[in-house]
Amino acid sequence: MNTTTSLGPKKLVAATAFGLLALFGNAAHAQISTDSLAGWSIVDGDVVSQSGAITLTTAYLDGDGDEPFNLSGQSAVDIGVLEGDAGLAPFVGLDVSPEQRGTEGSLIGQSFAATAGDTLSFDWSFSTLETLFQDRAFVVIDGAVFTLATLSAPGAATQNFSYTFAQSGNATLSFGVIDTVDVLGVSSLSVSNLQLVSAVPEPATTALMLVGLGLVGAATARARRRTS
């Protein structure tokens, strides 16, 4: 004897709806990533990508004590280059203060499409061998500079940063780390888990959800007919 077991209409709807939420509940963009340097249009100075993180340092290859801390074989670059590539005023845009002026460092950047309500988030960590001056790690979003850490405020081992876009359009993003006052004492910034999550499902996602809901309705109708 064959025995057939089927879900009742309510259970069927609940199970299918749960599956749809799991599939579409957190639509994310994949334009930006720390998994590699591919897609980053600006790479200045000592920058590498490894183990899912991008790391930047202020190490300069001049044979002094900082050289062993260089990761890429490319020296840190002049502060004016970094500020120009980040879309900031040259020789002032990244200064911590009038007394703590930037000297050199490294930067990575790119642009991507963002929609109002999208949230950019990433994890970061900062380390430094500087003992006197306020070396700075930062992120620049659409021309606004956000300090992540300095010598006097290095932050916890790993922290999270998030930013929600108020307007739709082409967004710019840069990460960097700089020496201030002098060029000694290597500082580094590591960034990982970079993602841009949309608050509103994309059109393709919405279409799939509608198809899924249609299947739920059809399955419910069939289940009711079998029950009656």
N, C-alpha and C. Protein backbone atom coordinates (compact mmCIF):
# COMPACT_ATOMS: atom_id res chain seq x y z
N MET A 1 0.85 -1.19 0.00
CA MET A 1 0.00 0.00 0.00
C MET A 1 0.88 1.24 0.00
N ASN A 2 0.60 2.17 -0.88
CA ASN A 2 1.35 3.41 -0.95
C ASN A 2 0.70 4.47 -0.07
N THR A 3 1.49 5.13 0.71
CA THR A 3 0.99 6.20 1.59
C THR A 3 1.60 7.51 1.15
N THR A 4 0.78 8.49 0.86
CA THR A 4 1.26 9.80 0.41
C THR A 4 1.00 10.83 1.50
N THR A 5 2.06 11.54 1.88
CA THR A 5 1.94 12.56 2.91
C THR A 5 2.15 13.92 2.27
N SER A 6 1.26 14.84 2.51
CA SER A 6 1.38 16.19 1.94
C SER A 6 1.17 17.22 3.02
N LEU A 7 1.77 18.40 2.80
CA LEU A 7 1.60 19.51 3.73
C LEU A 7 0.22 20.12 3.57
N GLY A 8 -0.39 20.54 4.65
CA GLY A 8 -1.64 21.28 4.57
C GLY A 8 -1.38 22.64 3.97
N PRO A 9 -2.42 23.34 3.53
CA PRO A 9 -2.25 24.63 2.86
C PRO A 9 -1.46 25.63 3.69
N LYS A 10 -1.76 25.75 5.00
CA LYS A 10 -1.07 26.74 5.82
C LYS A 10 0.41 26.41 5.96
N LYS A 11 0.70 25.12 6.18
CA LYS A 11 2.09 24.71 6.33
C LYS A 11 2.86 24.90 5.03
N LEU A 12 2.19 24.63 3.90
CA LEU A 12 2.83 24.80 2.61
C LEU A 12 3.18 26.25 2.37
N VAL A 13 2.25 27.15 2.66
CA VAL A 13 2.51 28.58 2.48
C VAL A 13 3.65 29.02 3.37
N ALA A 14 3.64 28.59 4.63
CA ALA A 14 4.67 29.01 5.57
C ALA A 14 6.04 28.53 5.13
N ALA A 15 6.13 27.27 4.69
CA ALA A 15 7.41 26.71 4.28
C ALA A 15 7.95 27.43 3.05
N THR A 16 7.06 27.68 2.08
CA THR A 16 7.51 28.34 0.86
C THR A 16 7.92 29.77 1.13
N ALA A 17 7.14 30.48 1.95
CA ALA A 17 7.47 31.86 2.28
C ALA A 17 8.80 31.95 3.00
N PHE A 18 9.06 31.01 3.91
CA PHE A 18 10.33 31.00 4.61
C PHE A 18 11.49 30.82 3.64
N GLY A 19 11.32 29.95 2.67
CA GLY A 19 12.36 29.75 1.66
C GLY A 19 12.62 30.99 0.84
N LEU A 20 11.55 31.71 0.49
CA LEU A 20 11.72 32.95 -0.27
C LEU A 20 12.45 34.00 0.54
N LEU A 21 12.12 34.13 1.82
CA LEU A 21 12.80 35.11 2.66
C LEU A 21 14.27 34.77 2.80
N ALA A 22 14.58 33.50 2.95
CA ALA A 22 15.98 33.10 3.06
C ALA A 22 16.75 33.40 1.79
N LEU A 23 16.05 33.28 0.65
CA LEU A 23 16.71 33.48 -0.63
C LEU A 23 16.87 34.94 -0.98
N PHE A 24 15.83 35.76 -0.68
CA PHE A 24 15.83 37.14 -1.16
C PHE A 24 15.89 38.19 -0.05
N GLY A 25 15.96 37.78 1.19
CA GLY A 25 15.82 38.72 2.28
C GLY A 25 16.96 39.70 2.42
N ASN A 26 18.13 39.44 1.81
CA ASN A 26 19.28 40.31 2.01
C ASN A 26 20.02 40.48 0.70
N ALA A 27 19.40 41.20 -0.23
CA ALA A 27 20.00 41.39 -1.54
C ALA A 27 21.26 42.23 -1.43
N ALA A 28 22.38 41.77 -1.98
CA ALA A 28 23.65 42.48 -1.87
C ALA A 28 24.27 42.69 -3.24
N HIS A 29 24.94 43.82 -3.39
CA HIS A 29 25.68 44.10 -4.61
C HIS A 29 27.05 43.44 -4.53
N ALA A 30 27.64 43.15 -5.67
CA ALA A 30 28.95 42.51 -5.68
C ALA A 30 29.98 43.35 -6.42
N GLN A 31 29.73 44.67 -6.54
CA GLN A 31 30.66 45.49 -7.31
C GLN A 31 31.99 45.68 -6.59
N ILE A 32 31.98 45.66 -5.28
CA ILE A 32 33.17 46.01 -4.52
C ILE A 32 33.59 44.85 -3.63
N SER A 33 34.89 44.64 -3.51
CA SER A 33 35.37 43.50 -2.75
C SER A 33 36.81 43.74 -2.30
N THR A 34 37.17 43.13 -1.17
CA THR A 34 38.56 43.14 -0.71
C THR A 34 39.26 41.82 -1.02
N ASP A 35 38.59 40.96 -1.79
CA ASP A 35 39.17 39.65 -2.11
C ASP A 35 40.35 39.75 -3.07
N SER A 36 40.42 40.85 -3.83
CA SER A 36 41.54 41.07 -4.73
C SER A 36 41.62 42.56 -5.05
N LEU A 37 42.66 42.95 -5.79
CA LEU A 37 42.79 44.34 -6.21
C LEU A 37 42.08 44.61 -7.53
N ALA A 38 41.49 43.56 -8.12
CA ALA A 38 40.76 43.72 -9.38
C ALA A 38 39.57 44.65 -9.17
N GLY A 39 39.37 45.58 -10.10
CA GLY A 39 38.26 46.50 -10.03
C GLY A 39 38.57 47.78 -9.29
N TRP A 40 39.69 47.82 -8.58
CA TRP A 40 40.10 49.06 -7.91
C TRP A 40 40.90 49.89 -8.91
N SER A 41 40.38 51.04 -9.27
CA SER A 41 41.00 51.84 -10.32
C SER A 41 42.19 52.66 -9.84
N ILE A 42 42.29 52.86 -8.52
CA ILE A 42 43.39 53.63 -7.94
C ILE A 42 44.13 52.75 -6.94
N VAL A 43 45.42 52.56 -7.17
CA VAL A 43 46.26 51.83 -6.22
C VAL A 43 47.56 52.61 -6.10
N ASP A 44 47.71 53.35 -5.00
CA ASP A 44 48.89 54.17 -4.77
C ASP A 44 49.69 53.61 -3.61
N GLY A 45 50.99 53.40 -3.83
CA GLY A 45 51.86 53.03 -2.73
C GLY A 45 51.88 51.55 -2.42
N ASP A 46 52.06 51.24 -1.15
CA ASP A 46 52.23 49.86 -0.69
C ASP A 46 50.87 49.27 -0.34
N VAL A 47 50.30 48.50 -1.29
CA VAL A 47 48.96 47.95 -1.13
C VAL A 47 48.98 46.49 -1.59
N VAL A 48 48.42 45.59 -0.78
CA VAL A 48 48.30 44.18 -1.16
C VAL A 48 46.93 43.66 -0.76
N SER A 49 46.51 42.58 -1.41
CA SER A 49 45.29 41.87 -1.03
C SER A 49 45.67 40.43 -0.73
N GLN A 50 45.32 39.98 0.46
CA GLN A 50 45.64 38.62 0.85
C GLN A 50 44.66 38.14 1.92
N SER A 51 44.27 36.88 1.81
CA SER A 51 43.34 36.25 2.78
C SER A 51 42.06 37.05 2.96
N GLY A 52 41.54 37.62 1.85
CA GLY A 52 40.27 38.32 1.90
C GLY A 52 40.34 39.74 2.42
N ALA A 53 41.54 40.26 2.68
CA ALA A 53 41.68 41.62 3.20
C ALA A 53 42.64 42.42 2.32
N ILE A 54 42.41 43.73 2.26
CA ILE A 54 43.35 44.64 1.62
C ILE A 54 44.12 45.36 2.71
N THR A 55 45.45 45.35 2.59
CA THR A 55 46.30 45.99 3.59
C THR A 55 47.15 47.06 2.92
N LEU A 56 47.21 48.24 3.55
CA LEU A 56 47.99 49.37 3.07
C LEU A 56 48.97 49.77 4.17
N THR A 57 50.20 50.17 3.77
CA THR A 57 51.18 50.62 4.76
C THR A 57 51.81 51.94 4.31
N THR A 58 52.56 52.55 5.23
CA THR A 58 53.29 53.78 4.91
C THR A 58 54.77 53.50 4.66
N ALA A 59 55.14 52.24 4.44
CA ALA A 59 56.56 51.87 4.30
C ALA A 59 57.14 52.36 2.98
N TYR A 60 58.31 52.95 3.06
CA TYR A 60 59.02 53.47 1.90
C TYR A 60 60.30 52.66 1.69
N LEU A 61 60.58 52.32 0.43
CA LEU A 61 61.75 51.48 0.11
C LEU A 61 63.00 52.35 -0.09
N ASP A 62 63.60 52.79 1.01
CA ASP A 62 64.81 53.61 0.89
C ASP A 62 65.97 53.04 1.68
N GLY A 63 65.81 51.79 2.11
CA GLY A 63 66.92 51.14 2.81
C GLY A 63 66.96 51.40 4.30
N ASP A 64 66.01 52.20 4.84
CA ASP A 64 66.05 52.46 6.27
C ASP A 64 65.27 51.39 7.03
N GLY A 65 64.98 51.62 8.28
CA GLY A 65 64.34 50.62 9.11
C GLY A 65 62.91 50.31 8.73
N ASP A 66 62.27 51.17 7.92
CA ASP A 66 60.89 50.91 7.52
C ASP A 66 60.77 49.88 6.40
N GLU A 67 61.81 49.72 5.63
CA GLU A 67 61.74 48.89 4.43
C GLU A 67 61.28 47.45 4.69
N PRO A 68 61.71 46.78 5.77
CA PRO A 68 61.26 45.39 5.99
C PRO A 68 59.75 45.25 6.16
N PHE A 69 59.05 46.35 6.44
CA PHE A 69 57.60 46.28 6.66
C PHE A 69 56.82 46.54 5.38
N ASN A 70 57.52 46.79 4.27
CA ASN A 70 56.85 46.98 2.99
C ASN A 70 56.34 45.62 2.50
N LEU A 71 55.09 45.59 2.01
CA LEU A 71 54.45 44.33 1.63
C LEU A 71 54.43 44.07 0.13
N SER A 72 54.43 45.12 -0.67
CA SER A 72 54.18 44.96 -2.10
C SER A 72 55.40 45.17 -2.99
N GLY A 73 56.44 45.77 -2.46
CA GLY A 73 57.57 46.15 -3.30
C GLY A 73 57.39 47.50 -3.95
N GLN A 74 56.32 48.21 -3.59
CA GLN A 74 56.09 49.57 -4.07
C GLN A 74 56.13 50.52 -2.87
N SER A 75 56.85 51.62 -3.02
CA SER A 75 56.99 52.56 -1.92
C SER A 75 55.71 53.35 -1.67
N ALA A 76 55.54 53.81 -0.44
CA ALA A 76 54.52 54.80 -0.14
C ALA A 76 54.76 56.03 -1.02
N VAL A 77 53.70 56.80 -1.29
CA VAL A 77 53.82 57.93 -2.22
C VAL A 77 53.53 59.24 -1.49
N ASP A 78 53.86 60.34 -2.17
CA ASP A 78 53.72 61.67 -1.59
C ASP A 78 52.26 61.99 -1.26
N ILE A 79 52.07 62.74 -0.20
CA ILE A 79 50.73 63.07 0.26
C ILE A 79 49.91 63.81 -0.79
N GLY A 80 50.56 64.65 -1.60
CA GLY A 80 49.83 65.38 -2.63
C GLY A 80 49.20 64.45 -3.66
N VAL A 81 49.87 63.35 -3.98
CA VAL A 81 49.33 62.37 -4.92
C VAL A 81 48.10 61.70 -4.31
N LEU A 82 48.21 61.30 -3.04
CA LEU A 82 47.08 60.64 -2.39
C LEU A 82 45.86 61.54 -2.34
N GLU A 83 46.07 62.79 -1.95
CA GLU A 83 44.94 63.70 -1.82
C GLU A 83 44.29 63.98 -3.18
N GLY A 84 45.11 64.11 -4.21
CA GLY A 84 44.55 64.33 -5.54
C GLY A 84 43.74 63.14 -6.02
N ASP A 85 44.26 61.92 -5.81
CA ASP A 85 43.55 60.72 -6.26
C ASP A 85 42.29 60.46 -5.43
N ALA A 86 42.25 60.97 -4.20
CA ALA A 86 41.06 60.81 -3.37
C ALA A 86 40.05 61.93 -3.60
N GLY A 87 40.38 62.87 -4.50
CA GLY A 87 39.48 63.97 -4.80
C GLY A 87 39.46 65.04 -3.74
N LEU A 88 40.59 65.20 -3.03
CA LEU A 88 40.67 66.17 -1.94
C LEU A 88 41.63 67.29 -2.29
N ALA A 89 41.56 68.37 -1.53
CA ALA A 89 42.46 69.50 -1.75
C ALA A 89 43.91 69.07 -1.49
N PRO A 90 44.83 69.37 -2.42
CA PRO A 90 46.23 68.93 -2.25
C PRO A 90 46.91 69.62 -1.08
N PHE A 91 47.71 68.83 -0.35
CA PHE A 91 48.55 69.30 0.75
C PHE A 91 47.75 69.88 1.91
N VAL A 92 46.48 69.51 2.02
CA VAL A 92 45.68 69.92 3.17
C VAL A 92 44.54 68.95 3.45
N GLY A 93 44.09 68.22 2.43
CA GLY A 93 42.88 67.40 2.55
C GLY A 93 42.97 66.27 3.55
N LEU A 94 44.18 65.76 3.82
CA LEU A 94 44.32 64.63 4.73
C LEU A 94 45.08 64.98 6.01
N ASP A 95 45.37 66.26 6.23
CA ASP A 95 46.06 66.66 7.45
C ASP A 95 45.19 66.35 8.66
N VAL A 96 45.80 65.84 9.72
CA VAL A 96 45.08 65.61 10.96
C VAL A 96 44.78 66.94 11.64
N SER A 97 45.73 67.86 11.56
CA SER A 97 45.59 69.20 12.12
C SER A 97 46.68 70.06 11.48
N PRO A 98 46.66 71.39 11.68
CA PRO A 98 47.73 72.23 11.13
C PRO A 98 49.12 71.81 11.61
N GLU A 99 49.19 71.23 12.80
CA GLU A 99 50.48 70.77 13.33
C GLU A 99 50.82 69.36 12.90
N GLN A 100 49.80 68.59 12.54
CA GLN A 100 49.99 67.18 12.16
C GLN A 100 49.65 67.01 10.68
N ARG A 101 50.54 67.49 9.84
CA ARG A 101 50.32 67.46 8.40
C ARG A 101 50.77 66.12 7.81
N GLY A 102 50.02 65.65 6.82
CA GLY A 102 50.39 64.41 6.16
C GLY A 102 51.65 64.57 5.33
N THR A 103 52.42 63.49 5.23
CA THR A 103 53.67 63.52 4.46
C THR A 103 53.68 62.49 3.32
N GLU A 104 53.29 61.25 3.61
CA GLU A 104 53.29 60.18 2.61
C GLU A 104 52.35 59.08 3.07
N GLY A 105 52.08 58.14 2.17
CA GLY A 105 51.22 57.03 2.56
C GLY A 105 50.79 56.21 1.36
N SER A 106 49.71 55.49 1.53
CA SER A 106 49.17 54.62 0.48
C SER A 106 47.66 54.75 0.43
N LEU A 107 47.10 54.48 -0.77
CA LEU A 107 45.66 54.69 -0.98
C LEU A 107 45.16 53.72 -2.03
N ILE A 108 43.91 53.29 -1.88
CA ILE A 108 43.24 52.48 -2.91
C ILE A 108 41.84 53.04 -3.07
N GLY A 109 41.34 53.07 -4.31
CA GLY A 109 40.03 53.67 -4.51
C GLY A 109 39.33 53.16 -5.76
N GLN A 110 38.03 53.39 -5.82
CA GLN A 110 37.23 53.04 -6.98
C GLN A 110 35.90 53.77 -6.91
N SER A 111 35.12 53.67 -7.98
CA SER A 111 33.77 54.23 -8.01
C SER A 111 32.80 53.13 -8.39
N PHE A 112 31.53 53.30 -8.00
CA PHE A 112 30.50 52.29 -8.25
C PHE A 112 29.14 52.95 -8.16
N ALA A 113 28.13 52.28 -8.68
CA ALA A 113 26.75 52.80 -8.63
C ALA A 113 26.15 52.50 -7.27
N ALA A 114 25.56 53.52 -6.66
CA ALA A 114 24.89 53.35 -5.37
C ALA A 114 23.48 53.90 -5.48
N THR A 115 22.57 53.32 -4.71
CA THR A 115 21.17 53.75 -4.66
C THR A 115 20.88 54.29 -3.27
N ALA A 116 20.06 55.32 -3.20
CA ALA A 116 19.67 55.87 -1.90
C ALA A 116 19.15 54.77 -0.99
N GLY A 117 19.69 54.69 0.21
CA GLY A 117 19.32 53.64 1.15
C GLY A 117 20.30 52.50 1.20
N ASP A 118 21.21 52.38 0.19
CA ASP A 118 22.24 51.35 0.22
C ASP A 118 23.18 51.60 1.41
N THR A 119 23.63 50.53 2.03
CA THR A 119 24.56 50.65 3.16
C THR A 119 25.89 49.99 2.81
N LEU A 120 26.95 50.79 2.90
CA LEU A 120 28.31 50.31 2.71
C LEU A 120 28.87 49.95 4.08
N SER A 121 29.46 48.78 4.20
CA SER A 121 30.05 48.39 5.48
C SER A 121 31.34 47.62 5.26
N PHE A 122 32.22 47.67 6.26
CA PHE A 122 33.48 46.92 6.19
C PHE A 122 34.06 46.80 7.60
N ASP A 123 34.94 45.83 7.78
CA ASP A 123 35.71 45.68 9.00
C ASP A 123 37.10 46.26 8.77
N TRP A 124 37.71 46.80 9.81
CA TRP A 124 39.04 47.37 9.65
C TRP A 124 39.87 47.19 10.92
N SER A 125 41.19 47.22 10.74
CA SER A 125 42.11 47.19 11.87
C SER A 125 43.31 48.08 11.54
N PHE A 126 43.90 48.65 12.56
CA PHE A 126 45.00 49.61 12.41
C PHE A 126 46.14 49.20 13.32
N SER A 127 47.36 49.35 12.82
CA SER A 127 48.53 49.12 13.66
C SER A 127 49.59 50.14 13.30
N THR A 128 50.45 50.45 14.25
CA THR A 128 51.48 51.46 13.98
C THR A 128 52.73 51.22 14.83
N LEU A 129 53.88 51.60 14.25
CA LEU A 129 55.15 51.62 14.97
C LEU A 129 55.53 53.05 15.34
N GLU A 130 54.69 54.01 14.95
CA GLU A 130 54.92 55.41 15.27
C GLU A 130 54.76 55.64 16.79
N THR A 131 55.60 56.49 17.34
CA THR A 131 55.54 56.76 18.77
C THR A 131 55.35 58.24 19.10
N LEU A 132 55.46 59.13 18.08
CA LEU A 132 55.39 60.56 18.35
C LEU A 132 54.23 61.27 17.67
N PHE A 133 53.96 60.93 16.40
CA PHE A 133 53.03 61.72 15.61
C PHE A 133 51.76 60.94 15.27
N GLN A 134 50.72 61.69 14.85
CA GLN A 134 49.39 61.11 14.69
C GLN A 134 49.17 60.51 13.30
N ASP A 135 49.91 59.47 12.97
CA ASP A 135 49.64 58.77 11.71
C ASP A 135 48.16 58.42 11.65
N ARG A 136 47.60 58.45 10.42
CA ARG A 136 46.15 58.40 10.28
C ARG A 136 45.69 57.33 9.29
N ALA A 137 44.69 56.55 9.68
CA ALA A 137 43.99 55.64 8.76
C ALA A 137 42.61 56.23 8.52
N PHE A 138 42.12 56.14 7.28
CA PHE A 138 40.90 56.86 6.94
C PHE A 138 40.17 56.19 5.79
N VAL A 139 38.89 56.59 5.61
CA VAL A 139 38.11 56.24 4.43
C VAL A 139 37.52 57.53 3.89
N VAL A 140 37.49 57.66 2.56
CA VAL A 140 36.89 58.82 1.90
C VAL A 140 35.71 58.33 1.07
N ILE A 141 34.51 58.85 1.37
CA ILE A 141 33.30 58.47 0.65
C ILE A 141 32.69 59.73 0.04
N ASP A 142 32.64 59.76 -1.27
CA ASP A 142 32.06 60.93 -1.97
C ASP A 142 32.67 62.24 -1.50
N GLY A 143 33.99 62.25 -1.29
CA GLY A 143 34.69 63.48 -0.92
C GLY A 143 34.70 63.79 0.56
N ALA A 144 33.99 63.02 1.38
CA ALA A 144 33.98 63.24 2.83
C ALA A 144 35.00 62.30 3.48
N VAL A 145 35.87 62.85 4.33
CA VAL A 145 36.92 62.08 4.98
C VAL A 145 36.45 61.63 6.36
N PHE A 146 36.54 60.33 6.64
CA PHE A 146 36.20 59.78 7.94
C PHE A 146 37.47 59.14 8.53
N THR A 147 37.90 59.65 9.68
CA THR A 147 39.07 59.08 10.35
C THR A 147 38.69 57.76 10.99
N LEU A 148 39.44 56.71 10.69
CA LEU A 148 39.24 55.42 11.33
C LEU A 148 40.10 55.30 12.58
N ALA A 149 41.35 55.75 12.49
CA ALA A 149 42.26 55.61 13.62
C ALA A 149 43.42 56.59 13.48
N THR A 150 44.03 56.93 14.62
CA THR A 150 45.29 57.67 14.69
C THR A 150 46.13 57.03 15.79
N LEU A 151 47.34 57.53 15.95
CA LEU A 151 48.20 57.00 17.01
C LEU A 151 47.53 57.09 18.37
N SER A 152 46.91 58.23 18.67
CA SER A 152 46.30 58.41 19.99
C SER A 152 44.94 57.75 20.12
N ALA A 153 44.33 57.35 19.01
CA ALA A 153 43.02 56.67 19.04
C ALA A 153 43.04 55.51 18.06
N PRO A 154 43.81 54.46 18.39
CA PRO A 154 43.97 53.35 17.45
C PRO A 154 42.76 52.46 17.31
N GLY A 155 41.84 52.51 18.28
CA GLY A 155 40.67 51.65 18.21
C GLY A 155 40.97 50.24 18.67
N ALA A 156 39.91 49.42 18.71
CA ALA A 156 40.05 48.02 19.10
C ALA A 156 40.75 47.24 17.99
N ALA A 157 41.01 45.97 18.27
CA ALA A 157 41.73 45.13 17.31
C ALA A 157 41.05 45.11 15.96
N THR A 158 39.74 44.90 15.95
CA THR A 158 38.96 44.93 14.71
C THR A 158 37.66 45.67 14.98
N GLN A 159 37.32 46.59 14.08
CA GLN A 159 36.09 47.35 14.24
C GLN A 159 35.31 47.34 12.93
N ASN A 160 34.04 47.74 13.02
CA ASN A 160 33.19 47.80 11.85
C ASN A 160 32.80 49.24 11.57
N PHE A 161 32.71 49.57 10.29
CA PHE A 161 32.28 50.90 9.86
C PHE A 161 31.14 50.71 8.87
N SER A 162 30.10 51.56 8.98
CA SER A 162 29.01 51.50 8.02
C SER A 162 28.58 52.90 7.63
N TYR A 163 28.08 53.02 6.42
CA TYR A 163 27.66 54.31 5.88
C TYR A 163 26.48 54.07 4.95
N THR A 164 25.39 54.84 5.13
CA THR A 164 24.21 54.70 4.29
C THR A 164 24.12 55.88 3.34
N PHE A 165 23.98 55.58 2.06
CA PHE A 165 23.91 56.62 1.04
C PHE A 165 22.54 57.29 1.05
N ALA A 166 22.55 58.62 1.04
CA ALA A 166 21.30 59.39 1.05
C ALA A 166 20.77 59.62 -0.35
N GLN A 167 21.64 59.54 -1.36
CA GLN A 167 21.24 59.81 -2.73
C GLN A 167 21.74 58.71 -3.66
N SER A 168 21.05 58.55 -4.77
CA SER A 168 21.47 57.60 -5.79
C SER A 168 22.45 58.27 -6.75
N GLY A 169 23.33 57.46 -7.31
CA GLY A 169 24.28 57.99 -8.29
C GLY A 169 25.60 57.27 -8.23
N ASN A 170 26.61 57.85 -8.89
CA ASN A 170 27.95 57.27 -8.90
C ASN A 170 28.67 57.67 -7.62
N ALA A 171 29.09 56.68 -6.84
CA ALA A 171 29.76 56.94 -5.56
C ALA A 171 31.26 56.68 -5.70
N THR A 172 32.05 57.40 -4.91
CA THR A 172 33.49 57.18 -4.88
C THR A 172 33.90 56.72 -3.49
N LEU A 173 34.87 55.82 -3.46
CA LEU A 173 35.33 55.22 -2.21
C LEU A 173 36.85 55.09 -2.23
N SER A 174 37.51 55.52 -1.17
CA SER A 174 38.95 55.36 -1.05
C SER A 174 39.30 54.98 0.38
N PHE A 175 40.31 54.11 0.52
CA PHE A 175 40.89 53.79 1.82
C PHE A 175 42.35 54.22 1.80
N GLY A 176 42.86 54.67 2.95
CA GLY A 176 44.26 55.06 2.98
C GLY A 176 44.84 55.11 4.38
N VAL A 177 46.16 55.19 4.41
CA VAL A 177 46.88 55.36 5.67
C VAL A 177 48.08 56.27 5.38
N ILE A 178 48.37 57.20 6.29
CA ILE A 178 49.44 58.17 6.04
C ILE A 178 50.33 58.36 7.27
N ASP A 179 51.58 58.74 6.98
CA ASP A 179 52.48 59.28 8.00
C ASP A 179 52.16 60.76 8.17
N THR A 180 52.34 61.27 9.37
CA THR A 180 52.22 62.71 9.60
C THR A 180 53.53 63.24 10.18
N VAL A 181 53.83 64.48 9.83
CA VAL A 181 55.01 65.22 10.30
C VAL A 181 56.29 64.65 9.73
N ASP A 182 56.60 63.37 10.02
CA ASP A 182 57.81 62.76 9.49
C ASP A 182 57.44 61.60 8.58
N VAL A 183 58.45 60.81 8.18
CA VAL A 183 58.20 59.65 7.31
C VAL A 183 58.69 58.37 7.99
N LEU A 184 58.80 58.39 9.30
CA LEU A 184 59.30 57.25 10.05
C LEU A 184 58.15 56.58 10.80
N GLY A 185 58.35 55.35 11.23
CA GLY A 185 57.35 54.64 12.01
C GLY A 185 56.20 54.16 11.15
N VAL A 186 56.31 52.95 10.61
CA VAL A 186 55.32 52.44 9.66
C VAL A 186 53.96 52.22 10.34
N SER A 187 52.91 52.70 9.68
CA SER A 187 51.54 52.43 10.10
C SER A 187 50.84 51.65 9.00
N SER A 188 49.84 50.85 9.37
CA SER A 188 49.15 50.04 8.38
C SER A 188 47.65 49.98 8.69
N LEU A 189 46.87 49.82 7.62
CA LEU A 189 45.42 49.68 7.69
C LEU A 189 45.03 48.43 6.91
N SER A 190 44.20 47.58 7.52
CA SER A 190 43.65 46.40 6.84
C SER A 190 42.14 46.52 6.79
N VAL A 191 41.56 46.22 5.62
CA VAL A 191 40.12 46.32 5.40
C VAL A 191 39.61 44.98 4.89
N SER A 192 38.49 44.50 5.44
CA SER A 192 37.93 43.22 4.99
C SER A 192 36.41 43.28 5.08
N ASN A 193 35.77 42.24 4.55
CA ASN A 193 34.30 42.10 4.59
C ASN A 193 33.60 43.34 4.03
N LEU A 194 34.14 43.87 2.96
CA LEU A 194 33.55 45.05 2.33
C LEU A 194 32.33 44.64 1.51
N GLN A 195 31.19 45.30 1.75
CA GLN A 195 29.99 44.97 0.99
C GLN A 195 29.06 46.17 0.92
N LEU A 196 28.23 46.16 -0.11
CA LEU A 196 27.22 47.19 -0.32
C LEU A 196 25.88 46.49 -0.36
N VAL A 197 25.06 46.71 0.64
CA VAL A 197 23.78 46.00 0.78
C VAL A 197 22.65 46.96 0.48
N SER A 198 21.73 46.52 -0.37
CA SER A 198 20.60 47.35 -0.78
C SER A 198 19.42 47.18 0.16
N ALA A 199 18.80 48.29 0.49
CA ALA A 199 17.60 48.24 1.33
C ALA A 199 16.37 47.86 0.53
N VAL A 200 16.43 48.02 -0.78
CA VAL A 200 15.31 47.72 -1.67
C VAL A 200 15.75 46.64 -2.65
N PRO A 201 15.01 45.54 -2.81
CA PRO A 201 15.40 44.50 -3.76
C PRO A 201 15.53 45.05 -5.17
N GLU A 202 16.50 44.54 -5.91
CA GLU A 202 16.68 44.93 -7.30
C GLU A 202 15.53 44.39 -8.15
N PRO A 203 15.30 44.95 -9.34
CA PRO A 203 14.18 44.49 -10.18
C PRO A 203 14.17 42.99 -10.43
N ALA A 204 15.32 42.41 -10.69
CA ALA A 204 15.36 40.96 -10.95
C ALA A 204 14.95 40.18 -9.71
N THR A 205 15.37 40.66 -8.54
CA THR A 205 14.99 40.00 -7.29
C THR A 205 13.50 40.10 -7.06
N THR A 206 12.94 41.31 -7.31
CA THR A 206 11.49 41.50 -7.14
C THR A 206 10.71 40.57 -8.05
N ALA A 207 11.16 40.43 -9.30
CA ALA A 207 10.47 39.54 -10.24
C ALA A 207 10.48 38.11 -9.74
N LEU A 208 11.62 37.66 -9.23
CA LEU A 208 11.70 36.29 -8.72
C LEU A 208 10.78 36.10 -7.51
N MET A 209 10.70 37.11 -6.67
CA MET A 209 9.81 37.02 -5.52
C MET A 209 8.35 36.89 -5.96
N LEU A 210 7.97 37.67 -6.99
CA LEU A 210 6.59 37.59 -7.49
C LEU A 210 6.30 36.21 -8.07
N VAL A 211 7.27 35.65 -8.80
CA VAL A 211 7.10 34.30 -9.32
C VAL A 211 6.92 33.31 -8.18
N GLY A 212 7.75 33.46 -7.14
CA GLY A 212 7.67 32.56 -6.00
C GLY A 212 6.32 32.66 -5.30
N LEU A 213 5.83 33.88 -5.13
CA LEU A 213 4.52 34.05 -4.49
C LEU A 213 3.42 33.46 -5.35
N GLY A 214 3.55 33.57 -6.67
CA GLY A 214 2.57 32.95 -7.56
C GLY A 214 2.54 31.45 -7.40
N LEU A 215 3.74 30.85 -7.26
CA LEU A 215 3.80 29.40 -7.05
C LEU A 215 3.17 29.01 -5.71
N VAL A 216 3.35 29.88 -4.70
CA VAL A 216 2.72 29.60 -3.41
C VAL A 216 1.20 29.55 -3.57
N GLY A 217 0.64 30.56 -4.28
CA GLY A 217 -0.81 30.60 -4.48
C GLY A 217 -1.32 29.38 -5.22
N ALA A 218 -0.61 28.99 -6.27
CA ALA A 218 -1.04 27.83 -7.05
C ALA A 218 -0.99 26.56 -6.22
N ALA A 219 0.08 26.41 -5.44
CA ALA A 219 0.21 25.22 -4.62
C ALA A 219 -0.87 25.17 -3.56
N THR A 220 -1.20 26.34 -3.00
CA THR A 220 -2.26 26.40 -1.99
C THR A 220 -3.60 25.98 -2.58
N ALA A 221 -3.91 26.48 -3.79
CA ALA A 221 -5.18 26.13 -4.43
C ALA A 221 -5.26 24.63 -4.69
N ARG A 222 -4.16 24.04 -5.17
CA ARG A 222 -4.17 22.59 -5.42
C ARG A 222 -4.38 21.82 -4.12
N ALA A 223 -3.72 22.29 -3.06
CA ALA A 223 -3.83 21.58 -1.78
C ALA A 223 -5.27 21.63 -1.25
N ARG A 224 -5.92 22.77 -1.45
CA ARG A 224 -7.31 22.91 -1.00
C ARG A 224 -8.24 21.98 -1.79
N ARG A 225 -7.99 21.87 -3.11
CA ARG A 225 -8.84 20.99 -3.93
C ARG A 225 -8.68 19.54 -3.50
N ARG A 226 -7.40 19.16 -3.20
CA ARG A 226 -7.19 17.77 -2.75
C ARG A 226 -7.88 17.51 -1.41
N THR A 227 -7.84 18.54 -0.54
CA THR A 227 -8.46 18.37 0.78
C THR A 227 -9.97 18.23 0.67
N SER A 228 -10.59 19.05 -0.21
CA SER A 228 -12.04 18.99 -0.37
C SER A 228 -12.45 17.72 -1.11
